């Protein structure tokens, strides 16, 4: 099979696109950074890729709300191309600001973009602390459905965000996400236990949600940054030993393995 191609979508204010491109290359992808304006000019360009990644940063300065302007561009200019991309069995990953974009465009939680549907079933709100949280966190993969991590995996990743509190529209939406195994990642302590106070849950996310997938498991968004932990030397404790692997590489390698096997 030909080498899978990944598109890293960037816009004004995106600042994690080069790291994400590098992480994709480490996993074996042919990765290209593409500005959203170029994709809006030619939406059919998206069909030439197998993996769409929306990286972290502060797209358009997070004006209005984090990720909102880029989400609106996708919603109103790229909806058909995105829906065709997903229907073709391809993968989408949104990291931090990219997760915010996926939520606000409608690709998460249900996996489709509908320009005529303004109601969203979840959002990512300001952190309960009122602070920009920049720290390492522990996470537990909780979905057998998600293509990017196996259920039960315990990992550590860095976070860096001001608007990362996951809030569903109501209890029924949260129950639906849980029943569909769409809660892909939860904030936990070092022992893997959820339901812990700040700063283990760094933003106050309901049910400790750190990442979601759509019903197919092929679209995922998460607040932590896997592209910032692709070598053991990225971990603050690496000189003390005990860091056996770079957990962020799992996401990109699993995506590569999925696409080359399907």
C-alpha atoms as a PDB file:
ATOM      1  CA  UNK A   1       0.000   0.000   0.000  1.00  0.00           C
ATOM      2  CA  UNK A   2       1.142   3.568  -0.713  1.00  0.00           C
ATOM      3  CA  UNK A   3       2.346   5.630   2.236  1.00  0.00           C
ATOM      4  CA  UNK A   4      -0.670   7.234   3.967  1.00  0.00           C
ATOM      5  CA  UNK A   5      -0.863  11.000   3.546  1.00  0.00           C
ATOM      6  CA  UNK A   6      -1.744  13.323   6.417  1.00  0.00           C
ATOM      7  CA  UNK A   7      -2.955  16.903   6.123  1.00  0.00           C
ATOM      8  CA  UNK A   8      -2.124  19.221   9.044  1.00  0.00           C
ATOM      9  CA  UNK A   9      -4.625  22.071   8.808  1.00  0.00           C
ATOM     10  CA  UNK A  10      -3.306  25.447   9.923  1.00  0.00           C
ATOM     11  CA  UNK A  11      -4.634  28.974  10.195  1.00  0.00           C
ATOM     12  CA  UNK A  12      -3.522  32.301  11.628  1.00  0.00           C
ATOM     13  CA  UNK A  13      -2.563  31.615  15.244  1.00  0.00           C
ATOM     14  CA  UNK A  14      -1.913  27.876  14.868  1.00  0.00           C
ATOM     15  CA  UNK A  15       1.419  27.158  16.563  1.00  0.00           C
ATOM     16  CA  UNK A  16       1.732  23.371  16.898  1.00  0.00           C
ATOM     17  CA  UNK A  17       1.563  22.469  13.218  1.00  0.00           C
ATOM     18  CA  UNK A  18       5.288  21.831  12.679  1.00  0.00           C
ATOM     19  CA  UNK A  19       5.562  19.599  15.764  1.00  0.00           C
ATOM     20  CA  UNK A  20       2.496  17.692  14.595  1.00  0.00           C
ATOM     21  CA  UNK A  21       3.918  17.274  11.097  1.00  0.00           C
ATOM     22  CA  UNK A  22       7.158  15.959  12.618  1.00  0.00           C
ATOM     23  CA  UNK A  23       5.273  13.473  14.837  1.00  0.00           C
ATOM     24  CA  UNK A  24       3.352  12.207  11.817  1.00  0.00           C
ATOM     25  CA  UNK A  25       6.597  11.747   9.915  1.00  0.00           C
ATOM     26  CA  UNK A  26       8.036   9.742  12.806  1.00  0.00           C
ATOM     27  CA  UNK A  27       5.076   7.372  12.522  1.00  0.00           C
ATOM     28  CA  UNK A  28       5.606   6.888   8.778  1.00  0.00           C
ATOM     29  CA  UNK A  29       3.126   9.357   7.275  1.00  0.00           C
ATOM     30  CA  UNK A  30       3.782  11.645   4.369  1.00  0.00           C
ATOM     31  CA  UNK A  31       2.601  14.805   6.126  1.00  0.00           C
ATOM     32  CA  UNK A  32       1.861  18.228   4.674  1.00  0.00           C
ATOM     33  CA  UNK A  33       0.890  21.488   6.363  1.00  0.00           C
ATOM     34  CA  UNK A  34      -1.945  23.193   4.484  1.00  0.00           C
ATOM     35  CA  UNK A  35      -3.466  26.599   5.239  1.00  0.00           C
ATOM     36  CA  UNK A  36      -7.253  26.588   5.565  1.00  0.00           C
ATOM     37  CA  UNK A  37      -7.504  29.243   2.829  1.00  0.00           C
ATOM     38  CA  UNK A  38      -5.877  26.846   0.349  1.00  0.00           C
ATOM     39  CA  UNK A  39      -8.374  24.148   1.310  1.00  0.00           C
ATOM     40  CA  UNK A  40     -11.296  26.573   1.041  1.00  0.00           C
ATOM     41  CA  UNK A  41     -10.122  27.464  -2.481  1.00  0.00           C
ATOM     42  CA  UNK A  42     -10.095  23.795  -3.457  1.00  0.00           C
ATOM     43  CA  UNK A  43     -12.067  21.572  -1.028  1.00  0.00           C
ATOM     44  CA  UNK A  44     -11.537  18.562  -3.317  1.00  0.00           C
ATOM     45  CA  UNK A  45      -7.870  18.666  -2.245  1.00  0.00           C
ATOM     46  CA  UNK A  46      -8.897  16.966   1.001  1.00  0.00           C
ATOM     47  CA  UNK A  47      -9.755  13.754  -0.848  1.00  0.00           C
ATOM     48  CA  UNK A  48      -6.053  13.184  -1.570  1.00  0.00           C
ATOM     49  CA  UNK A  49      -5.312  12.517   2.121  1.00  0.00           C
ATOM     50  CA  UNK A  50      -6.182   9.719   4.530  1.00  0.00           C
ATOM     51  CA  UNK A  51      -5.657  11.551   7.832  1.00  0.00           C
ATOM     52  CA  UNK A  52      -6.766  15.077   8.770  1.00  0.00           C
ATOM     53  CA  UNK A  53      -5.132  16.594  11.859  1.00  0.00           C
ATOM     54  CA  UNK A  54      -6.171  19.935  13.331  1.00  0.00           C
ATOM     55  CA  UNK A  55      -3.317  20.924  15.655  1.00  0.00           C
ATOM     56  CA  UNK A  56      -3.098  23.112  18.717  1.00  0.00           C
ATOM     57  CA  UNK A  57      -2.533  26.817  19.085  1.00  0.00           C
ATOM     58  CA  UNK A  58      -4.771  29.862  19.146  1.00  0.00           C
ATOM     59  CA  UNK A  59      -6.458  29.934  15.741  1.00  0.00           C
ATOM     60  CA  UNK A  60      -7.478  33.507  14.940  1.00  0.00           C
ATOM     61  CA  UNK A  61      -6.403  34.494  18.438  1.00  0.00           C
ATOM     62  CA  UNK A  62      -9.311  32.491  19.922  1.00  0.00           C
ATOM     63  CA  UNK A  63     -11.498  35.529  19.184  1.00  0.00           C
ATOM     64  CA  UNK A  64     -15.198  34.997  19.976  1.00  0.00           C
ATOM     65  CA  UNK A  65     -14.307  31.644  21.579  1.00  0.00           C
ATOM     66  CA  UNK A  66     -11.483  29.137  21.271  1.00  0.00           C
ATOM     67  CA  UNK A  67     -11.528  27.559  17.813  1.00  0.00           C
ATOM     68  CA  UNK A  68     -14.815  29.227  16.829  1.00  0.00           C
ATOM     69  CA  UNK A  69     -13.689  31.114  13.706  1.00  0.00           C
ATOM     70  CA  UNK A  70     -11.821  28.182  12.165  1.00  0.00           C
ATOM     71  CA  UNK A  71     -14.804  25.968  13.032  1.00  0.00           C
ATOM     72  CA  UNK A  72     -17.122  28.370  11.181  1.00  0.00           C
ATOM     73  CA  UNK A  73     -14.861  28.317   8.125  1.00  0.00           C
ATOM     74  CA  UNK A  74     -15.006  24.525   8.119  1.00  0.00           C
ATOM     75  CA  UNK A  75     -18.737  24.529   8.769  1.00  0.00           C
ATOM     76  CA  UNK A  76     -19.660  26.917   5.966  1.00  0.00           C
ATOM     77  CA  UNK A  77     -16.972  26.228   3.337  1.00  0.00           C
ATOM     78  CA  UNK A  78     -15.799  22.647   3.842  1.00  0.00           C
ATOM     79  CA  UNK A  79     -18.809  20.727   5.171  1.00  0.00           C
ATOM     80  CA  UNK A  80     -19.361  18.572   2.070  1.00  0.00           C
ATOM     81  CA  UNK A  81     -15.666  17.735   1.713  1.00  0.00           C
ATOM     82  CA  UNK A  82     -15.398  16.853   5.405  1.00  0.00           C
ATOM     83  CA  UNK A  83     -18.483  14.643   5.369  1.00  0.00           C
ATOM     84  CA  UNK A  84     -17.176  12.810   2.290  1.00  0.00           C
ATOM     85  CA  UNK A  85     -13.782  12.402   3.958  1.00  0.00           C
ATOM     86  CA  UNK A  86     -15.338  10.809   7.048  1.00  0.00           C
ATOM     87  CA  UNK A  87     -17.738   8.650   5.013  1.00  0.00           C
ATOM     88  CA  UNK A  88     -14.727   7.245   3.130  1.00  0.00           C
ATOM     89  CA  UNK A  89     -13.444   5.657   6.356  1.00  0.00           C
ATOM     90  CA  UNK A  90     -10.582   8.087   6.930  1.00  0.00           C
ATOM     91  CA  UNK A  91      -9.260   9.453  10.236  1.00  0.00           C
ATOM     92  CA  UNK A  92      -9.558  12.862  11.919  1.00  0.00           C
ATOM     93  CA  UNK A  93      -7.671  14.038  15.014  1.00  0.00           C
ATOM     94  CA  UNK A  94      -8.111  17.390  16.763  1.00  0.00           C
ATOM     95  CA  UNK A  95      -5.523  18.374  19.376  1.00  0.00           C
ATOM     96  CA  UNK A  96      -6.315  21.075  21.980  1.00  0.00           C
ATOM     97  CA  UNK A  97      -7.445  23.995  19.796  1.00  0.00           C
ATOM     98  CA  UNK A  98      -8.193  21.340  17.188  1.00  0.00           C
ATOM     99  CA  UNK A  99     -10.527  19.597  19.659  1.00  0.00           C
ATOM    100  CA  UNK A 100     -12.264  22.919  20.222  1.00  0.00           C
ATOM    101  CA  UNK A 101     -12.634  23.287  16.441  1.00  0.00           C
ATOM    102  CA  UNK A 102     -14.104  19.783  16.068  1.00  0.00           C
ATOM    103  CA  UNK A 103     -16.648  20.405  18.829  1.00  0.00           C
ATOM    104  CA  UNK A 104     -17.694  23.808  17.475  1.00  0.00           C
ATOM    105  CA  UNK A 105     -17.859  22.662  13.851  1.00  0.00           C
ATOM    106  CA  UNK A 106     -20.055  19.710  14.810  1.00  0.00           C
ATOM    107  CA  UNK A 107     -17.688  16.923  13.733  1.00  0.00           C
ATOM    108  CA  UNK A 108     -17.711  15.883  17.366  1.00  0.00           C
ATOM    109  CA  UNK A 109     -19.477  14.274  19.026  1.00  0.00           C
ATOM    110  CA  UNK A 110     -21.577  12.742  16.245  1.00  0.00           C
ATOM    111  CA  UNK A 111     -19.247  12.666  13.252  1.00  0.00           C
ATOM    112  CA  UNK A 112     -20.995  14.904  10.700  1.00  0.00           C
ATOM    113  CA  UNK A 113     -20.894  18.574   9.737  1.00  0.00           C
ATOM    114  CA  UNK A 114     -24.292  20.190   9.130  1.00  0.00           C
ATOM    115  CA  UNK A 115     -24.234  23.917   8.254  1.00  0.00           C
ATOM    116  CA  UNK A 116     -27.970  24.230   8.842  1.00  0.00           C
ATOM    117  CA  UNK A 117     -27.803  22.819  12.372  1.00  0.00           C
ATOM    118  CA  UNK A 118     -26.708  25.460  14.865  1.00  0.00           C
ATOM    119  CA  UNK A 119     -27.405  23.520  18.056  1.00  0.00           C
ATOM    120  CA  UNK A 120     -24.304  21.869  19.478  1.00  0.00           C
ATOM    121  CA  UNK A 121     -24.513  19.111  22.079  1.00  0.00           C
ATOM    122  CA  UNK A 122     -21.304  19.960  23.951  1.00  0.00           C
ATOM    123  CA  UNK A 123     -18.687  22.650  24.351  1.00  0.00           C
ATOM    124  CA  UNK A 124     -15.273  23.299  25.848  1.00  0.00           C
ATOM    125  CA  UNK A 125     -15.610  26.119  28.350  1.00  0.00           C
ATOM    126  CA  UNK A 126     -13.223  28.167  30.474  1.00  0.00           C
ATOM    127  CA  UNK A 127     -11.219  26.170  33.021  1.00  0.00           C
ATOM    128  CA  UNK A 128     -12.747  26.205  36.497  1.00  0.00           C
ATOM    129  CA  UNK A 129      -9.476  27.605  37.855  1.00  0.00           C
ATOM    130  CA  UNK A 130      -9.839  30.692  35.668  1.00  0.00           C
ATOM    131  CA  UNK A 131      -6.222  30.098  34.668  1.00  0.00           C
ATOM    132  CA  UNK A 132      -4.337  28.941  31.615  1.00  0.00           C
ATOM    133  CA  UNK A 133      -3.353  25.431  32.744  1.00  0.00           C
ATOM    134  CA  UNK A 134       0.114  24.362  31.609  1.00  0.00           C
ATOM    135  CA  UNK A 135       1.111  21.082  33.254  1.00  0.00           C
ATOM    136  CA  UNK A 136       1.540  17.333  32.761  1.00  0.00           C
ATOM    137  CA  UNK A 137      -1.478  15.114  33.395  1.00  0.00           C
ATOM    138  CA  UNK A 138      -2.221  11.407  33.636  1.00  0.00           C
ATOM    139  CA  UNK A 139      -4.863   9.899  31.369  1.00  0.00           C
ATOM    140  CA  UNK A 140      -6.752   6.648  30.934  1.00  0.00           C
ATOM    141  CA  UNK A 141      -8.113   5.403  27.611  1.00  0.00           C
ATOM    142  CA  UNK A 142     -11.717   4.325  28.193  1.00  0.00           C
ATOM    143  CA  UNK A 143     -13.120   3.357  24.788  1.00  0.00           C
ATOM    144  CA  UNK A 144     -12.867   0.092  22.877  1.00  0.00           C
ATOM    145  CA  UNK A 145     -14.300   2.004  19.918  1.00  0.00           C
ATOM    146  CA  UNK A 146     -11.523   4.594  19.504  1.00  0.00           C
ATOM    147  CA  UNK A 147      -9.010   3.916  16.712  1.00  0.00           C
ATOM    148  CA  UNK A 148      -6.244   5.936  18.365  1.00  0.00           C
ATOM    149  CA  UNK A 149      -5.758   4.171  21.731  1.00  0.00           C
ATOM    150  CA  UNK A 150      -6.718   0.789  23.199  1.00  0.00           C
ATOM    151  CA  UNK A 151      -9.025   0.841  26.216  1.00  0.00           C
ATOM    152  CA  UNK A 152      -7.219   0.632  29.542  1.00  0.00           C
ATOM    153  CA  UNK A 153      -4.031   2.323  28.334  1.00  0.00           C
ATOM    154  CA  UNK A 154      -2.532   4.656  30.967  1.00  0.00           C
ATOM    155  CA  UNK A 155      -0.482   7.528  29.598  1.00  0.00           C
ATOM    156  CA  UNK A 156       1.005  10.896  30.526  1.00  0.00           C
ATOM    157  CA  UNK A 157       0.840  13.994  28.321  1.00  0.00           C
ATOM    158  CA  UNK A 158       1.230  17.759  28.713  1.00  0.00           C
ATOM    159  CA  UNK A 159      -1.698  20.188  28.538  1.00  0.00           C
ATOM    160  CA  UNK A 160      -1.715  23.902  27.733  1.00  0.00           C
ATOM    161  CA  UNK A 161      -5.139  25.535  27.512  1.00  0.00           C
ATOM    162  CA  UNK A 162      -7.491  28.105  29.005  1.00  0.00           C
ATOM    163  CA  UNK A 163     -10.754  26.685  27.623  1.00  0.00           C
ATOM    164  CA  UNK A 164     -10.695  22.936  28.143  1.00  0.00           C
ATOM    165  CA  UNK A 165     -13.629  22.170  30.432  1.00  0.00           C
ATOM    166  CA  UNK A 166     -15.848  19.636  28.687  1.00  0.00           C
ATOM    167  CA  UNK A 167     -19.515  20.464  29.223  1.00  0.00           C
ATOM    168  CA  UNK A 168     -22.324  18.455  27.562  1.00  0.00           C
ATOM    169  CA  UNK A 169     -25.625  20.175  26.838  1.00  0.00           C
ATOM    170  CA  UNK A 170     -27.395  18.015  29.439  1.00  0.00           C
ATOM    171  CA  UNK A 171     -27.192  14.761  31.356  1.00  0.00           C
ATOM    172  CA  UNK A 172     -28.842  12.848  28.517  1.00  0.00           C
ATOM    173  CA  UNK A 173     -26.018  13.782  26.123  1.00  0.00           C
ATOM    174  CA  UNK A 174     -23.388  12.630  28.631  1.00  0.00           C
ATOM    175  CA  UNK A 175     -25.278   9.360  29.145  1.00  0.00           C
ATOM    176  CA  UNK A 176     -25.433   8.850  25.374  1.00  0.00           C
ATOM    177  CA  UNK A 177     -21.687   9.430  25.032  1.00  0.00           C
ATOM    178  CA  UNK A 178     -20.953   6.959  27.819  1.00  0.00           C
ATOM    179  CA  UNK A 179     -23.304   4.318  26.432  1.00  0.00           C
ATOM    180  CA  UNK A 180     -21.701   4.646  22.996  1.00  0.00           C
ATOM    181  CA  UNK A 181     -18.150   4.356  24.393  1.00  0.00           C
ATOM    182  CA  UNK A 182     -17.334   7.775  22.974  1.00  0.00           C
ATOM    183  CA  UNK A 183     -15.441   9.029  26.020  1.00  0.00           C
ATOM    184  CA  UNK A 184     -11.994   8.175  24.750  1.00  0.00           C
ATOM    185  CA  UNK A 185      -9.817   9.692  27.494  1.00  0.00           C
ATOM    186  CA  UNK A 186     -10.303  10.663  31.124  1.00  0.00           C
ATOM    187  CA  UNK A 187      -8.102  12.595  33.533  1.00  0.00           C
ATOM    188  CA  UNK A 188      -6.887  10.225  36.270  1.00  0.00           C
ATOM    189  CA  UNK A 189      -4.263  10.052  38.989  1.00  0.00           C
ATOM    190  CA  UNK A 190      -1.032   8.071  38.637  1.00  0.00           C
ATOM    191  CA  UNK A 191      -2.878   4.928  39.728  1.00  0.00           C
ATOM    192  CA  UNK A 192      -5.444   5.325  36.963  1.00  0.00           C
ATOM    193  CA  UNK A 193      -8.330   6.444  39.181  1.00  0.00           C
ATOM    194  CA  UNK A 194     -10.815   9.001  37.853  1.00  0.00           C
ATOM    195  CA  UNK A 195     -13.017  11.287  39.941  1.00  0.00           C
ATOM    196  CA  UNK A 196     -10.082  13.188  41.412  1.00  0.00           C
ATOM    197  CA  UNK A 197      -9.975  16.899  42.301  1.00  0.00           C
ATOM    198  CA  UNK A 198      -7.960  19.718  40.731  1.00  0.00           C
ATOM    199  CA  UNK A 199      -5.229  19.662  39.495  1.00  0.00           C
ATOM    200  CA  UNK A 200      -5.614  15.977  38.489  1.00  0.00           C
ATOM    201  CA  UNK A 201      -8.688  17.088  36.587  1.00  0.00           C
ATOM    202  CA  UNK A 202      -7.084  20.360  35.502  1.00  0.00           C
ATOM    203  CA  UNK A 203     -10.099  22.159  34.087  1.00  0.00           C
ATOM    204  CA  UNK A 204     -13.230  20.797  35.799  1.00  0.00           C
ATOM    205  CA  UNK A 205     -14.391  18.701  32.835  1.00  0.00           C
ATOM    206  CA  UNK A 206     -17.570  16.800  33.612  1.00  0.00           C
ATOM    207  CA  UNK A 207     -16.926  13.091  34.139  1.00  0.00           C
ATOM    208  CA  UNK A 208     -13.185  13.884  33.832  1.00  0.00           C
ATOM    209  CA  UNK A 209     -13.452  13.932  30.022  1.00  0.00           C
ATOM    210  CA  UNK A 210     -10.120  14.718  28.349  1.00  0.00           C
ATOM    211  CA  UNK A 211     -10.972  13.366  24.894  1.00  0.00           C
ATOM    212  CA  UNK A 212     -13.913  12.166  22.796  1.00  0.00           C
ATOM    213  CA  UNK A 213     -14.410  10.073  19.702  1.00  0.00           C
ATOM    214  CA  UNK A 214     -17.355   9.933  17.327  1.00  0.00           C
ATOM    215  CA  UNK A 215     -19.587   6.815  17.082  1.00  0.00           C
ATOM    216  CA  UNK A 216     -17.269   5.258  14.470  1.00  0.00           C
ATOM    217  CA  UNK A 217     -14.146   5.773  16.620  1.00  0.00           C
ATOM    218  CA  UNK A 218     -12.342   7.346  13.651  1.00  0.00           C
ATOM    219  CA  UNK A 219     -12.726  10.989  14.711  1.00  0.00           C
ATOM    220  CA  UNK A 220     -11.038  11.941  17.962  1.00  0.00           C
ATOM    221  CA  UNK A 221     -10.450  15.181  19.830  1.00  0.00           C
ATOM    222  CA  UNK A 222      -8.390  15.636  22.978  1.00  0.00           C
ATOM    223  CA  UNK A 223      -7.132  18.546  25.046  1.00  0.00           C
ATOM    224  CA  UNK A 224      -3.649  17.126  25.890  1.00  0.00           C
ATOM    225  CA  UNK A 225      -0.813  17.408  23.357  1.00  0.00           C
ATOM    226  CA  UNK A 226       0.528  14.059  22.062  1.00  0.00           C
ATOM    227  CA  UNK A 227       2.845  15.836  19.585  1.00  0.00           C
ATOM    228  CA  UNK A 228       4.750  17.299  22.543  1.00  0.00           C
ATOM    229  CA  UNK A 229       5.753  13.886  23.880  1.00  0.00           C
ATOM    230  CA  UNK A 230       7.226  11.919  20.994  1.00  0.00           C
ATOM    231  CA  UNK A 231      10.620  11.275  22.585  1.00  0.00           C
ATOM    232  CA  UNK A 232      11.394  10.223  26.165  1.00  0.00           C
ATOM    233  CA  UNK A 233      13.589  13.326  26.556  1.00  0.00           C
ATOM    234  CA  UNK A 234      10.451  15.490  26.302  1.00  0.00           C
ATOM    235  CA  UNK A 235       9.285  14.260  29.714  1.00  0.00           C
ATOM    236  CA  UNK A 236      10.382  16.439  32.659  1.00  0.00           C
ATOM    237  CA  UNK A 237      11.522  13.349  34.614  1.00  0.00           C
ATOM    238  CA  UNK A 238      13.458  11.637  31.838  1.00  0.00           C
ATOM    239  CA  UNK A 239      16.845  12.145  33.516  1.00  0.00           C
ATOM    240  CA  UNK A 240      15.599  10.315  36.634  1.00  0.00           C
ATOM    241  CA  UNK A 241      14.814   7.147  34.724  1.00  0.00           C
ATOM    242  CA  UNK A 242      11.602   5.165  34.558  1.00  0.00           C
ATOM    243  CA  UNK A 243      10.331   6.787  31.351  1.00  0.00           C
ATOM    244  CA  UNK A 244      10.104   3.751  29.107  1.00  0.00           C
ATOM    245  CA  UNK A 245       8.318   5.259  26.122  1.00  0.00           C
ATOM    246  CA  UNK A 246       7.034   8.495  24.616  1.00  0.00           C
ATOM    247  CA  UNK A 247       3.265   8.144  25.076  1.00  0.00           C
ATOM    248  CA  UNK A 248       2.350  10.737  22.456  1.00  0.00           C
ATOM    249  CA  UNK A 249       3.701   8.536  19.675  1.00  0.00           C
ATOM    250  CA  UNK A 250       0.945   5.993  20.329  1.00  0.00           C
ATOM    251  CA  UNK A 251      -1.706   8.184  18.689  1.00  0.00           C
ATOM    252  CA  UNK A 252       0.186   8.684  15.447  1.00  0.00           C
ATOM    253  CA  UNK A 253       1.492   5.120  15.229  1.00  0.00           C
ATOM    254  CA  UNK A 254      -1.961   3.637  15.863  1.00  0.00           C
ATOM    255  CA  UNK A 255      -3.387   5.897  13.143  1.00  0.00           C
ATOM    256  CA  UNK A 256      -0.688   4.753  10.716  1.00  0.00           C
ATOM    257  CA  UNK A 257      -1.287   1.096  11.573  1.00  0.00           C
ATOM    258  CA  UNK A 258      -5.055   1.519  11.176  1.00  0.00           C
ATOM    259  CA  UNK A 259      -4.767   3.119   7.750  1.00  0.00           C
ATOM    260  CA  UNK A 260      -2.231   0.624   6.423  1.00  0.00           C
ATOM    261  CA  UNK A 261      -4.370  -2.300   7.624  1.00  0.00           C
ATOM    262  CA  UNK A 262      -7.676  -1.012   6.187  1.00  0.00           C
END
